């Protein structure tokens, strides 16, 4: 835990899609929990993933590390999330403004070096 300031951006007005300078998360905890998800970058092949126990406990898909690198280099992200209660949730994100948003999230107003 840290007292550092960190900003979070939401996709349009959907607060369940959250971007920080380290990851992109999809909160599905209000849909009864996470089972599986499939991610597709641009027009590439979709990759299906069975959610880890950690992600199931959190109730969110978190794209971080190399997955987040793929997000940052893509123009479009499609993700289908299988939930326990509400079946499948489909997201289709236009990532064309990701670079300027990432610059803000990595800027002085969002990162407090203390």
PDB file of N, CA and C in Angstrom:
ATOM      1  N   UNK A   1       0.843  -1.169   0.000  1.00  0.00           N
ATOM      2  CA  UNK A   1       0.000   0.000   0.000  1.00  0.00           C
ATOM      3  C   UNK A   1       0.890   1.234   0.000  1.00  0.00           C
ATOM      4  N   UNK A   2       0.397   2.251  -0.666  1.00  0.00           N
ATOM      5  CA  UNK A   2       1.191   3.459  -0.802  1.00  0.00           C
ATOM      6  C   UNK A   2       0.294   4.681  -0.714  1.00  0.00           C
ATOM      7  N   UNK A   3       0.874   5.798  -0.343  1.00  0.00           N
ATOM      8  CA  UNK A   3       0.140   7.060  -0.335  1.00  0.00           C
ATOM      9  C   UNK A   3       0.299   7.819  -1.641  1.00  0.00           C
ATOM     10  N   UNK A   4       0.944   7.172  -2.622  1.00  0.00           N
ATOM     11  CA  UNK A   4       1.151   7.824  -3.913  1.00  0.00           C
ATOM     12  C   UNK A   4      -0.179   8.087  -4.589  1.00  0.00           C
ATOM     13  N   UNK A   5      -0.270   9.230  -5.233  1.00  0.00           N
ATOM     14  CA  UNK A   5      -1.454   9.569  -6.019  1.00  0.00           C
ATOM     15  C   UNK A   5      -1.399   8.784  -7.312  1.00  0.00           C
ATOM     16  N   UNK A   6      -2.509   8.187  -7.688  1.00  0.00           N
ATOM     17  CA  UNK A   6      -2.593   7.501  -8.972  1.00  0.00           C
ATOM     18  C   UNK A   6      -3.964   7.775  -9.557  1.00  0.00           C
ATOM     19  N   UNK A   7      -3.989   8.132 -10.818  1.00  0.00           N
ATOM     20  CA  UNK A   7      -5.242   8.432 -11.485  1.00  0.00           C
ATOM     21  C   UNK A   7      -5.786   7.191 -12.180  1.00  0.00           C
ATOM     22  N   UNK A   8      -7.090   7.172 -12.358  1.00  0.00           N
ATOM     23  CA  UNK A   8      -7.766   6.120 -13.093  1.00  0.00           C
ATOM     24  C   UNK A   8      -8.684   6.775 -14.113  1.00  0.00           C
ATOM     25  N   UNK A   9      -8.628   6.281 -15.344  1.00  0.00           N
ATOM     26  CA  UNK A   9      -9.513   6.772 -16.400  1.00  0.00           C
ATOM     27  C   UNK A   9     -10.578   5.709 -16.656  1.00  0.00           C
ATOM     28  N   UNK A  10     -11.783   6.162 -16.985  1.00  0.00           N
ATOM     29  CA  UNK A  10     -12.870   5.263 -17.336  1.00  0.00           C
ATOM     30  C   UNK A  10     -13.114   5.350 -18.831  1.00  0.00           C
ATOM     31  N   UNK A  11     -13.586   4.256 -19.410  1.00  0.00           N
ATOM     32  CA  UNK A  11     -13.893   4.256 -20.845  1.00  0.00           C
ATOM     33  C   UNK A  11     -15.261   4.889 -21.037  1.00  0.00           C
ATOM     34  N   UNK A  12     -15.251   6.050 -21.700  1.00  0.00           N
ATOM     35  CA  UNK A  12     -16.472   6.842 -21.883  1.00  0.00           C
ATOM     36  C   UNK A  12     -17.109   7.047 -20.518  1.00  0.00           C
ATOM     37  N   UNK A  13     -18.344   6.628 -20.303  1.00  0.00           N
ATOM     38  CA  UNK A  13     -18.947   6.806 -18.978  1.00  0.00           C
ATOM     39  C   UNK A  13     -19.166   5.464 -18.272  1.00  0.00           C
ATOM     40  N   UNK A  14     -18.408   4.455 -18.673  1.00  0.00           N
ATOM     41  CA  UNK A  14     -18.528   3.127 -18.092  1.00  0.00           C
ATOM     42  C   UNK A  14     -17.463   2.936 -17.015  1.00  0.00           C
ATOM     43  N   UNK A  15     -17.862   3.065 -15.759  1.00  0.00           N
ATOM     44  CA  UNK A  15     -16.899   2.984 -14.660  1.00  0.00           C
ATOM     45  C   UNK A  15     -16.408   1.561 -14.401  1.00  0.00           C
ATOM     46  N   UNK A  16     -16.967   0.571 -15.089  1.00  0.00           N
ATOM     47  CA  UNK A  16     -16.481  -0.798 -14.928  1.00  0.00           C
ATOM     48  C   UNK A  16     -15.254  -1.063 -15.791  1.00  0.00           C
ATOM     49  N   UNK A  17     -14.945  -0.172 -16.732  1.00  0.00           N
ATOM     50  CA  UNK A  17     -13.753  -0.293 -17.574  1.00  0.00           C
ATOM     51  C   UNK A  17     -12.772   0.771 -17.099  1.00  0.00           C
ATOM     52  N   UNK A  18     -11.677   0.338 -16.453  1.00  0.00           N
ATOM     53  CA  UNK A  18     -10.779   1.238 -15.752  1.00  0.00           C
ATOM     54  C   UNK A  18      -9.352   1.108 -16.268  1.00  0.00           C
ATOM     55  N   UNK A  19      -8.765   2.249 -16.593  1.00  0.00           N
ATOM     56  CA  UNK A  19      -7.402   2.315 -17.112  1.00  0.00           C
ATOM     57  C   UNK A  19      -6.513   3.059 -16.137  1.00  0.00           C
ATOM     58  N   UNK A  20      -5.372   2.450 -15.807  1.00  0.00           N
ATOM     59  CA  UNK A  20      -4.322   3.154 -15.064  1.00  0.00           C
ATOM     60  C   UNK A  20      -3.084   3.132 -15.952  1.00  0.00           C
ATOM     61  N   UNK A  21      -1.993   3.684 -15.465  1.00  0.00           N
ATOM     62  CA  UNK A  21      -0.782   3.647 -16.286  1.00  0.00           C
ATOM     63  C   UNK A  21      -0.107   2.271 -16.240  1.00  0.00           C
ATOM     64  N   UNK A  22      -0.713   1.300 -15.531  1.00  0.00           N
ATOM     65  CA  UNK A  22      -0.144  -0.046 -15.445  1.00  0.00           C
ATOM     66  C   UNK A  22      -1.047  -1.157 -15.979  1.00  0.00           C
ATOM     67  N   UNK A  23      -2.355  -0.895 -16.116  1.00  0.00           N
ATOM     68  CA  UNK A  23      -3.248  -1.961 -16.564  1.00  0.00           C
ATOM     69  C   UNK A  23      -4.588  -1.423 -17.056  1.00  0.00           C
ATOM     70  N   UNK A  24      -5.328  -2.314 -17.675  1.00  0.00           N
ATOM     71  CA  UNK A  24      -6.703  -2.060 -18.091  1.00  0.00           C
ATOM     72  C   UNK A  24      -7.549  -3.133 -17.431  1.00  0.00           C
ATOM     73  N   UNK A  25      -8.570  -2.724 -16.682  1.00  0.00           N
ATOM     74  CA  UNK A  25      -9.381  -3.672 -15.920  1.00  0.00           C
ATOM     75  C   UNK A  25     -10.850  -3.557 -16.305  1.00  0.00           C
ATOM     76  N   UNK A  26     -11.518  -4.705 -16.259  1.00  0.00           N
ATOM     77  CA  UNK A  26     -12.953  -4.798 -16.507  1.00  0.00           C
ATOM     78  C   UNK A  26     -13.578  -5.405 -15.259  1.00  0.00           C
ATOM     79  N   UNK A  27     -14.312  -4.604 -14.500  1.00  0.00           N
ATOM     80  CA  UNK A  27     -14.921  -5.049 -13.249  1.00  0.00           C
ATOM     81  C   UNK A  27     -16.261  -5.716 -13.544  1.00  0.00           C
ATOM     82  N   UNK A  28     -16.356  -7.003 -13.276  1.00  0.00           N
ATOM     83  CA  UNK A  28     -17.612  -7.730 -13.482  1.00  0.00           C
ATOM     84  C   UNK A  28     -18.141  -8.296 -12.162  1.00  0.00           C
ATOM     85  N   UNK A  29     -17.655  -7.784 -11.053  1.00  0.00           N
ATOM     86  CA  UNK A  29     -18.065  -8.293  -9.741  1.00  0.00           C
ATOM     87  C   UNK A  29     -19.570  -8.139  -9.523  1.00  0.00           C
ATOM     88  N   UNK A  30     -20.171  -7.128 -10.096  1.00  0.00           N
ATOM     89  CA  UNK A  30     -21.611  -6.912  -9.948  1.00  0.00           C
ATOM     90  C   UNK A  30     -22.442  -7.857 -10.825  1.00  0.00           C
ATOM     91  N   UNK A  31     -21.779  -8.669 -11.641  1.00  0.00           N
ATOM     92  CA  UNK A  31     -22.453  -9.639 -12.502  1.00  0.00           C
ATOM     93  C   UNK A  31     -22.320 -11.060 -11.974  1.00  0.00           C
ATOM     94  N   UNK A  32     -22.030 -11.186 -10.703  1.00  0.00           N
ATOM     95  CA  UNK A  32     -21.968 -12.495 -10.081  1.00  0.00           C
ATOM     96  C   UNK A  32     -20.627 -13.181 -10.189  1.00  0.00           C
ATOM     97  N   UNK A  33     -19.664 -12.540 -10.798  1.00  0.00           N
ATOM     98  CA  UNK A  33     -18.338 -13.127 -10.832  1.00  0.00           C
ATOM     99  C   UNK A  33     -17.871 -13.519 -12.216  1.00  0.00           C
ATOM    100  N   UNK A  34     -16.612 -13.796 -12.295  1.00  0.00           N
ATOM    101  CA  UNK A  34     -15.895 -14.048 -13.533  1.00  0.00           C
ATOM    102  C   UNK A  34     -15.647 -15.545 -13.708  1.00  0.00           C
ATOM    103  N   UNK A  35     -15.825 -16.034 -14.945  1.00  0.00           N
ATOM    104  CA  UNK A  35     -15.537 -17.428 -15.250  1.00  0.00           C
ATOM    105  C   UNK A  35     -14.430 -17.514 -16.297  1.00  0.00           C
ATOM    106  N   UNK A  36     -14.624 -16.852 -17.427  1.00  0.00           N
ATOM    107  CA  UNK A  36     -13.689 -16.933 -18.550  1.00  0.00           C
ATOM    108  C   UNK A  36     -13.738 -15.631 -19.325  1.00  0.00           C
ATOM    109  N   UNK A  37     -12.736 -15.436 -20.185  1.00  0.00           N
ATOM    110  CA  UNK A  37     -12.769 -14.271 -21.068  1.00  0.00           C
ATOM    111  C   UNK A  37     -11.972 -14.563 -22.326  1.00  0.00           C
ATOM    112  N   UNK A  38     -12.321 -13.866 -23.382  1.00  0.00           N
ATOM    113  CA  UNK A  38     -11.608 -13.968 -24.653  1.00  0.00           C
ATOM    114  C   UNK A  38     -11.222 -12.564 -25.082  1.00  0.00           C
ATOM    115  N   UNK A  39      -9.968 -12.401 -25.495  1.00  0.00           N
ATOM    116  CA  UNK A  39      -9.438 -11.094 -25.877  1.00  0.00           C
ATOM    117  C   UNK A  39      -9.036 -11.135 -27.345  1.00  0.00           C
ATOM    118  N   UNK A  40      -9.375 -10.068 -28.063  1.00  0.00           N
ATOM    119  CA  UNK A  40      -8.996  -9.946 -29.475  1.00  0.00           C
ATOM    120  C   UNK A  40      -8.470  -8.538 -29.715  1.00  0.00           C
ATOM    121  N   UNK A  41      -7.227  -8.460 -30.177  1.00  0.00           N
ATOM    122  CA  UNK A  41      -6.596  -7.181 -30.494  1.00  0.00           C
ATOM    123  C   UNK A  41      -6.712  -6.923 -31.987  1.00  0.00           C
ATOM    124  N   UNK A  42      -7.170  -5.740 -32.353  1.00  0.00           N
ATOM    125  CA  UNK A  42      -7.348  -5.353 -33.760  1.00  0.00           C
ATOM    126  C   UNK A  42      -8.131  -6.448 -34.482  1.00  0.00           C
ATOM    127  N   UNK A  43      -7.622  -6.958 -35.593  1.00  0.00           N
ATOM    128  CA  UNK A  43      -8.321  -8.014 -36.325  1.00  0.00           C
ATOM    129  C   UNK A  43      -7.657  -9.371 -36.129  1.00  0.00           C
ATOM    130  N   UNK A  44      -6.881  -9.499 -35.075  1.00  0.00           N
ATOM    131  CA  UNK A  44      -6.196 -10.749 -34.790  1.00  0.00           C
ATOM    132  C   UNK A  44      -7.143 -11.823 -34.278  1.00  0.00           C
ATOM    133  N   UNK A  45      -6.569 -12.971 -34.020  1.00  0.00           N
ATOM    134  CA  UNK A  45      -7.320 -14.115 -33.505  1.00  0.00           C
ATOM    135  C   UNK A  45      -7.664 -13.887 -32.032  1.00  0.00           C
ATOM    136  N   UNK A  46      -8.871 -14.245 -31.644  1.00  0.00           N
ATOM    137  CA  UNK A  46      -9.267 -14.147 -30.238  1.00  0.00           C
ATOM    138  C   UNK A  46      -8.572 -15.241 -29.439  1.00  0.00           C
ATOM    139  N   UNK A  47      -8.169 -14.896 -28.223  1.00  0.00           N
ATOM    140  CA  UNK A  47      -7.538 -15.836 -27.308  1.00  0.00           C
ATOM    141  C   UNK A  47      -8.433 -16.000 -26.094  1.00  0.00           C
ATOM    142  N   UNK A  48      -8.878 -17.231 -25.839  1.00  0.00           N
ATOM    143  CA  UNK A  48      -9.737 -17.479 -24.679  1.00  0.00           C
ATOM    144  C   UNK A  48      -8.895 -17.877 -23.479  1.00  0.00           C
ATOM    145  N   UNK A  49      -9.281 -17.356 -22.321  1.00  0.00           N
ATOM    146  CA  UNK A  49      -8.545 -17.588 -21.082  1.00  0.00           C
ATOM    147  C   UNK A  49      -9.534 -17.984 -19.994  1.00  0.00           C
ATOM    148  N   UNK A  50      -9.217 -19.041 -19.264  1.00  0.00           N
ATOM    149  CA  UNK A  50      -9.995 -19.362 -18.076  1.00  0.00           C
ATOM    150  C   UNK A  50      -9.423 -18.554 -16.930  1.00  0.00           C
ATOM    151  N   UNK A  51     -10.281 -17.829 -16.259  1.00  0.00           N
ATOM    152  CA  UNK A  51      -9.834 -16.899 -15.226  1.00  0.00           C
ATOM    153  C   UNK A  51      -9.143 -17.630 -14.080  1.00  0.00           C
ATOM    154  N   UNK A  52      -8.054 -17.031 -13.599  1.00  0.00           N
ATOM    155  CA  UNK A  52      -7.341 -17.573 -12.440  1.00  0.00           C
ATOM    156  C   UNK A  52      -8.195 -17.376 -11.184  1.00  0.00           C
ATOM    157  N   UNK A  53      -7.865 -18.100 -10.145  1.00  0.00           N
ATOM    158  CA  UNK A  53      -8.587 -17.938  -8.873  1.00  0.00           C
ATOM    159  C   UNK A  53      -8.471 -16.507  -8.362  1.00  0.00           C
ATOM    160  N   UNK A  54      -7.303 -15.915  -8.559  1.00  0.00           N
ATOM    161  CA  UNK A  54      -7.095 -14.526  -8.123  1.00  0.00           C
ATOM    162  C   UNK A  54      -8.076 -13.592  -8.811  1.00  0.00           C
ATOM    163  N   UNK A  55      -8.199 -13.713 -10.147  1.00  0.00           N
ATOM    164  CA  UNK A  55      -9.124 -12.843 -10.882  1.00  0.00           C
ATOM    165  C   UNK A  55     -10.572 -13.150 -10.520  1.00  0.00           C
ATOM    166  N   UNK A  56     -10.891 -14.421 -10.304  1.00  0.00           N
ATOM    167  CA  UNK A  56     -12.248 -14.777  -9.886  1.00  0.00           C
ATOM    168  C   UNK A  56     -12.583 -14.125  -8.552  1.00  0.00           C
ATOM    169  N   UNK A  57     -11.622 -14.162  -7.623  1.00  0.00           N
ATOM    170  CA  UNK A  57     -11.847 -13.546  -6.308  1.00  0.00           C
ATOM    171  C   UNK A  57     -12.024 -12.039  -6.405  1.00  0.00           C
ATOM    172  N   UNK A  58     -11.276 -11.421  -7.283  1.00  0.00           N
ATOM    173  CA  UNK A  58     -11.387  -9.974  -7.489  1.00  0.00           C
ATOM    174  C   UNK A  58     -12.674  -9.635  -8.236  1.00  0.00           C
ATOM    175  N   UNK A  59     -13.078 -10.517  -9.152  1.00  0.00           N
ATOM    176  CA  UNK A  59     -14.262 -10.256  -9.970  1.00  0.00           C
ATOM    177  C   UNK A  59     -13.962  -9.318 -11.116  1.00  0.00           C
ATOM    178  N   UNK A  60     -12.743  -9.429 -11.653  1.00  0.00           N
ATOM    179  CA  UNK A  60     -12.352  -8.523 -12.729  1.00  0.00           C
ATOM    180  C   UNK A  60     -11.341  -9.188 -13.648  1.00  0.00           C
ATOM    181  N   UNK A  61     -11.376  -8.780 -14.911  1.00  0.00           N
ATOM    182  CA  UNK A  61     -10.318  -9.119 -15.850  1.00  0.00           C
ATOM    183  C   UNK A  61      -9.323  -7.971 -15.780  1.00  0.00           C
ATOM    184  N   UNK A  62      -8.061  -8.287 -15.565  1.00  0.00           N
ATOM    185  CA  UNK A  62      -7.028  -7.262 -15.494  1.00  0.00           C
ATOM    186  C   UNK A  62      -5.970  -7.580 -16.544  1.00  0.00           C
ATOM    187  N   UNK A  63      -5.853  -6.704 -17.527  1.00  0.00           N
ATOM    188  CA  UNK A  63      -4.829  -6.853 -18.564  1.00  0.00           C
ATOM    189  C   UNK A  63      -3.620  -6.041 -18.127  1.00  0.00           C
ATOM    190  N   UNK A  64      -2.549  -6.747 -17.763  1.00  0.00           N
ATOM    191  CA  UNK A  64      -1.328  -6.106 -17.261  1.00  0.00           C
ATOM    192  C   UNK A  64      -0.129  -6.796 -17.909  1.00  0.00           C
ATOM    193  N   UNK A  65       1.056  -6.268 -17.670  1.00  0.00           N
ATOM    194  CA  UNK A  65       2.282  -6.870 -18.202  1.00  0.00           C
ATOM    195  C   UNK A  65       2.278  -6.901 -19.724  1.00  0.00           C
ATOM    196  N   UNK A  66       2.579  -8.066 -20.300  1.00  0.00           N
ATOM    197  CA  UNK A  66       2.630  -8.173 -21.771  1.00  0.00           C
ATOM    198  C   UNK A  66       1.245  -7.987 -22.388  1.00  0.00           C
ATOM    199  N   UNK A  67       0.190  -8.384 -21.657  1.00  0.00           N
ATOM    200  CA  UNK A  67      -1.165  -8.142 -22.163  1.00  0.00           C
ATOM    201  C   UNK A  67      -1.429  -6.636 -22.284  1.00  0.00           C
ATOM    202  N   UNK A  68      -0.944  -5.880 -21.299  1.00  0.00           N
ATOM    203  CA  UNK A  68      -1.136  -4.427 -21.353  1.00  0.00           C
ATOM    204  C   UNK A  68      -0.285  -3.813 -22.462  1.00  0.00           C
ATOM    205  N   UNK A  69       0.883  -4.372 -22.713  1.00  0.00           N
ATOM    206  CA  UNK A  69       1.689  -3.917 -23.856  1.00  0.00           C
ATOM    207  C   UNK A  69       0.909  -4.107 -25.157  1.00  0.00           C
ATOM    208  N   UNK A  70       0.201  -5.241 -25.270  1.00  0.00           N
ATOM    209  CA  UNK A  70      -0.632  -5.484 -26.453  1.00  0.00           C
ATOM    210  C   UNK A  70      -1.763  -4.466 -26.550  1.00  0.00           C
ATOM    211  N   UNK A  71      -2.359  -4.119 -25.419  1.00  0.00           N
ATOM    212  CA  UNK A  71      -3.408  -3.098 -25.397  1.00  0.00           C
ATOM    213  C   UNK A  71      -2.855  -1.782 -25.920  1.00  0.00           C
ATOM    214  N   UNK A  72      -1.687  -1.386 -25.423  1.00  0.00           N
ATOM    215  CA  UNK A  72      -1.108  -0.089 -25.802  1.00  0.00           C
ATOM    216  C   UNK A  72      -0.717  -0.019 -27.267  1.00  0.00           C
ATOM    217  N   UNK A  73      -0.441  -1.152 -27.900  1.00  0.00           N
ATOM    218  CA  UNK A  73      -0.049  -1.129 -29.313  1.00  0.00           C
ATOM    219  C   UNK A  73      -1.229  -1.365 -30.262  1.00  0.00           C
ATOM    220  N   UNK A  74      -2.399  -1.666 -29.725  1.00  0.00           N
ATOM    221  CA  UNK A  74      -3.575  -1.952 -30.563  1.00  0.00           C
ATOM    222  C   UNK A  74      -4.388  -0.689 -30.822  1.00  0.00           C
ATOM    223  N   UNK A  75      -5.178  -0.742 -31.850  1.00  0.00           N
ATOM    224  CA  UNK A  75      -6.128   0.336 -32.173  1.00  0.00           C
ATOM    225  C   UNK A  75      -7.539  -0.017 -31.707  1.00  0.00           C
ATOM    226  N   UNK A  76      -7.767  -1.327 -31.525  1.00  0.00           N
ATOM    227  CA  UNK A  76      -9.095  -1.796 -31.134  1.00  0.00           C
ATOM    228  C   UNK A  76      -8.933  -3.021 -30.238  1.00  0.00           C
ATOM    229  N   UNK A  77      -9.770  -3.103 -29.222  1.00  0.00           N
ATOM    230  CA  UNK A  77      -9.775  -4.246 -28.326  1.00  0.00           C
ATOM    231  C   UNK A  77     -11.204  -4.745 -28.194  1.00  0.00           C
ATOM    232  N   UNK A  78     -11.374  -6.026 -28.441  1.00  0.00           N
ATOM    233  CA  UNK A  78     -12.663  -6.657 -28.194  1.00  0.00           C
ATOM    234  C   UNK A  78     -12.447  -7.718 -27.129  1.00  0.00           C
ATOM    235  N   UNK A  79     -13.334  -7.723 -26.161  1.00  0.00           N
ATOM    236  CA  UNK A  79     -13.232  -8.702 -25.085  1.00  0.00           C
ATOM    237  C   UNK A  79     -14.628  -9.211 -24.758  1.00  0.00           C
ATOM    238  N   UNK A  80     -14.732 -10.515 -24.623  1.00  0.00           N
ATOM    239  CA  UNK A  80     -15.989 -11.174 -24.227  1.00  0.00           C
ATOM    240  C   UNK A  80     -15.722 -11.840 -22.888  1.00  0.00           C
ATOM    241  N   UNK A  81     -16.515 -11.446 -21.883  1.00  0.00           N
ATOM    242  CA  UNK A  81     -16.305 -11.925 -20.527  1.00  0.00           C
ATOM    243  C   UNK A  81     -17.487 -12.793 -20.122  1.00  0.00           C
ATOM    244  N   UNK A  82     -17.188 -14.029 -19.742  1.00  0.00           N
ATOM    245  CA  UNK A  82     -18.215 -14.939 -19.245  1.00  0.00           C
ATOM    246  C   UNK A  82     -18.390 -14.766 -17.747  1.00  0.00           C
ATOM    247  N   UNK A  83     -19.629 -14.495 -17.321  1.00  0.00           N
ATOM    248  CA  UNK A  83     -19.919 -14.289 -15.906  1.00  0.00           C
ATOM    249  C   UNK A  83     -20.835 -15.402 -15.390  1.00  0.00           C
ATOM    250  N   UNK A  84     -20.916 -15.521 -14.089  1.00  0.00           N
ATOM    251  CA  UNK A  84     -21.743 -16.545 -13.473  1.00  0.00           C
ATOM    252  C   UNK A  84     -23.236 -16.244 -13.587  1.00  0.00           C
ATOM    253  N   UNK A  85     -23.613 -14.985 -13.512  1.00  0.00           N
ATOM    254  CA  UNK A  85     -25.027 -14.623 -13.436  1.00  0.00           C
ATOM    255  C   UNK A  85     -25.572 -14.096 -14.762  1.00  0.00           C
ATOM    256  N   UNK A  86     -24.862 -13.204 -15.406  1.00  0.00           N
ATOM    257  CA  UNK A  86     -25.392 -12.507 -16.592  1.00  0.00           C
ATOM    258  C   UNK A  86     -24.855 -13.031 -17.917  1.00  0.00           C
ATOM    259  N   UNK A  87     -24.352 -14.243 -17.953  1.00  0.00           N
ATOM    260  CA  UNK A  87     -23.859 -14.801 -19.211  1.00  0.00           C
ATOM    261  C   UNK A  87     -22.634 -14.048 -19.697  1.00  0.00           C
ATOM    262  N   UNK A  88     -22.647 -13.690 -20.982  1.00  0.00           N
ATOM    263  CA  UNK A  88     -21.494 -13.022 -21.589  1.00  0.00           C
ATOM    264  C   UNK A  88     -21.688 -11.516 -21.678  1.00  0.00           C
ATOM    265  N   UNK A  89     -20.614 -10.796 -21.392  1.00  0.00           N
ATOM    266  CA  UNK A  89     -20.574  -9.342 -21.568  1.00  0.00           C
ATOM    267  C   UNK A  89     -19.569  -9.057 -22.664  1.00  0.00           C
ATOM    268  N   UNK A  90     -19.982  -8.293 -23.673  1.00  0.00           N
ATOM    269  CA  UNK A  90     -19.109  -7.971 -24.795  1.00  0.00           C
ATOM    270  C   UNK A  90     -18.717  -6.510 -24.757  1.00  0.00           C
ATOM    271  N   UNK A  91     -17.433  -6.255 -24.914  1.00  0.00           N
ATOM    272  CA  UNK A  91     -16.882  -4.907 -24.973  1.00  0.00           C
ATOM    273  C   UNK A  91     -16.130  -4.752 -26.290  1.00  0.00           C
ATOM    274  N   UNK A  92     -16.273  -3.599 -26.909  1.00  0.00           N
ATOM    275  CA  UNK A  92     -15.553  -3.273 -28.144  1.00  0.00           C
ATOM    276  C   UNK A  92     -14.986  -1.869 -27.945  1.00  0.00           C
ATOM    277  N   UNK A  93     -13.696  -1.783 -27.656  1.00  0.00           N
ATOM    278  CA  UNK A  93     -13.070  -0.509 -27.302  1.00  0.00           C
ATOM    279  C   UNK A  93     -12.249   0.050 -28.450  1.00  0.00           C
ATOM    280  N   UNK A  94     -12.517   1.294 -28.785  1.00  0.00           N
ATOM    281  CA  UNK A  94     -11.698   2.047 -29.729  1.00  0.00           C
ATOM    282  C   UNK A  94     -10.540   2.625 -28.920  1.00  0.00           C
ATOM    283  N   UNK A  95      -9.332   2.228 -29.257  1.00  0.00           N
ATOM    284  CA  UNK A  95      -8.153   2.641 -28.488  1.00  0.00           C
ATOM    285  C   UNK A  95      -7.373   3.778 -29.143  1.00  0.00           C
ATOM    286  N   UNK A  96      -7.987   4.464 -30.099  1.00  0.00           N
ATOM    287  CA  UNK A  96      -7.265   5.501 -30.846  1.00  0.00           C
ATOM    288  C   UNK A  96      -6.789   6.660 -29.965  1.00  0.00           C
ATOM    289  N   UNK A  97      -7.432   6.901 -28.838  1.00  0.00           N
ATOM    290  CA  UNK A  97      -7.024   7.994 -27.944  1.00  0.00           C
ATOM    291  C   UNK A  97      -6.214   7.503 -26.746  1.00  0.00           C
ATOM    292  N   UNK A  98      -5.774   6.262 -26.793  1.00  0.00           N
ATOM    293  CA  UNK A  98      -5.066   5.695 -25.651  1.00  0.00           C
ATOM    294  C   UNK A  98      -3.745   6.401 -25.357  1.00  0.00           C
ATOM    295  N   UNK A  99      -2.974   6.736 -26.375  1.00  0.00           N
ATOM    296  CA  UNK A  99      -1.672   7.372 -26.154  1.00  0.00           C
ATOM    297  C   UNK A  99      -1.792   8.687 -25.392  1.00  0.00           C
ATOM    298  N   UNK A 100      -2.653   9.630 -25.816  1.00  0.00           N
ATOM    299  CA  UNK A 100      -2.758  10.868 -25.031  1.00  0.00           C
ATOM    300  C   UNK A 100      -3.303  10.648 -23.617  1.00  0.00           C
ATOM    301  N   UNK A 101      -4.194   9.679 -23.448  1.00  0.00           N
ATOM    302  CA  UNK A 101      -4.707   9.385 -22.105  1.00  0.00           C
ATOM    303  C   UNK A 101      -3.587   8.809 -21.240  1.00  0.00           C
ATOM    304  N   UNK A 102      -2.764   7.929 -21.816  1.00  0.00           N
ATOM    305  CA  UNK A 102      -1.634   7.365 -21.068  1.00  0.00           C
ATOM    306  C   UNK A 102      -0.637   8.452 -20.670  1.00  0.00           C
ATOM    307  N   UNK A 103      -0.457   9.452 -21.522  1.00  0.00           N
ATOM    308  CA  UNK A 103       0.436  10.562 -21.180  1.00  0.00           C
ATOM    309  C   UNK A 103      -0.090  11.313 -19.958  1.00  0.00           C
ATOM    310  N   UNK A 104      -1.396  11.496 -19.888  1.00  0.00           N
ATOM    311  CA  UNK A 104      -1.993  12.161 -18.721  1.00  0.00           C
ATOM    312  C   UNK A 104      -1.824  11.287 -17.476  1.00  0.00           C
ATOM    313  N   UNK A 105      -2.123   9.993 -17.604  1.00  0.00           N
ATOM    314  CA  UNK A 105      -2.022   9.085 -16.458  1.00  0.00           C
ATOM    315  C   UNK A 105      -0.592   8.938 -15.952  1.00  0.00           C
ATOM    316  N   UNK A 106       0.376   9.166 -16.812  1.00  0.00           N
ATOM    317  CA  UNK A 106       1.785   9.065 -16.421  1.00  0.00           C
ATOM    318  C   UNK A 106       2.382  10.417 -16.066  1.00  0.00           C
ATOM    319  N   UNK A 107       1.588  11.466 -16.147  1.00  0.00           N
ATOM    320  CA  UNK A 107       2.072  12.828 -15.913  1.00  0.00           C
ATOM    321  C   UNK A 107       2.174  13.195 -14.447  1.00  0.00           C
ATOM    322  N   UNK A 108       2.724  14.376 -14.210  1.00  0.00           N
ATOM    323  CA  UNK A 108       2.978  14.854 -12.849  1.00  0.00           C
ATOM    324  C   UNK A 108       1.706  14.982 -12.028  1.00  0.00           C
ATOM    325  N   UNK A 109       0.591  15.329 -12.637  1.00  0.00           N
ATOM    326  CA  UNK A 109      -0.635  15.516 -11.870  1.00  0.00           C
ATOM    327  C   UNK A 109      -1.215  14.188 -11.371  1.00  0.00           C
ATOM    328  N   UNK A 110      -0.801  13.085 -11.988  1.00  0.00           N
ATOM    329  CA  UNK A 110      -1.311  11.761 -11.576  1.00  0.00           C
ATOM    330  C   UNK A 110      -0.303  10.938 -10.790  1.00  0.00           C
ATOM    331  N   UNK A 111       0.957  11.222 -10.941  1.00  0.00           N
ATOM    332  CA  UNK A 111       1.992  10.458 -10.249  1.00  0.00           C
ATOM    333  C   UNK A 111       2.680  11.369  -9.238  1.00  0.00           C
ATOM    334  N   UNK A 112       2.533  11.049  -7.997  1.00  0.00           N
ATOM    335  CA  UNK A 112       3.183  11.792  -6.922  1.00  0.00           C
ATOM    336  C   UNK A 112       4.414  10.999  -6.475  1.00  0.00           C
ATOM    337  N   UNK A 113       5.606  11.508  -6.730  1.00  0.00           N
ATOM    338  CA  UNK A 113       6.819  10.740  -6.450  1.00  0.00           C
ATOM    339  C   UNK A 113       7.133  10.525  -4.983  1.00  0.00           C
ATOM    340  N   UNK A 114       6.322  11.030  -4.082  1.00  0.00           N
ATOM    341  CA  UNK A 114       6.629  10.888  -2.643  1.00  0.00           C
ATOM    342  C   UNK A 114       6.395   9.496  -2.124  1.00  0.00           C
TER     343      UNK A 114
END
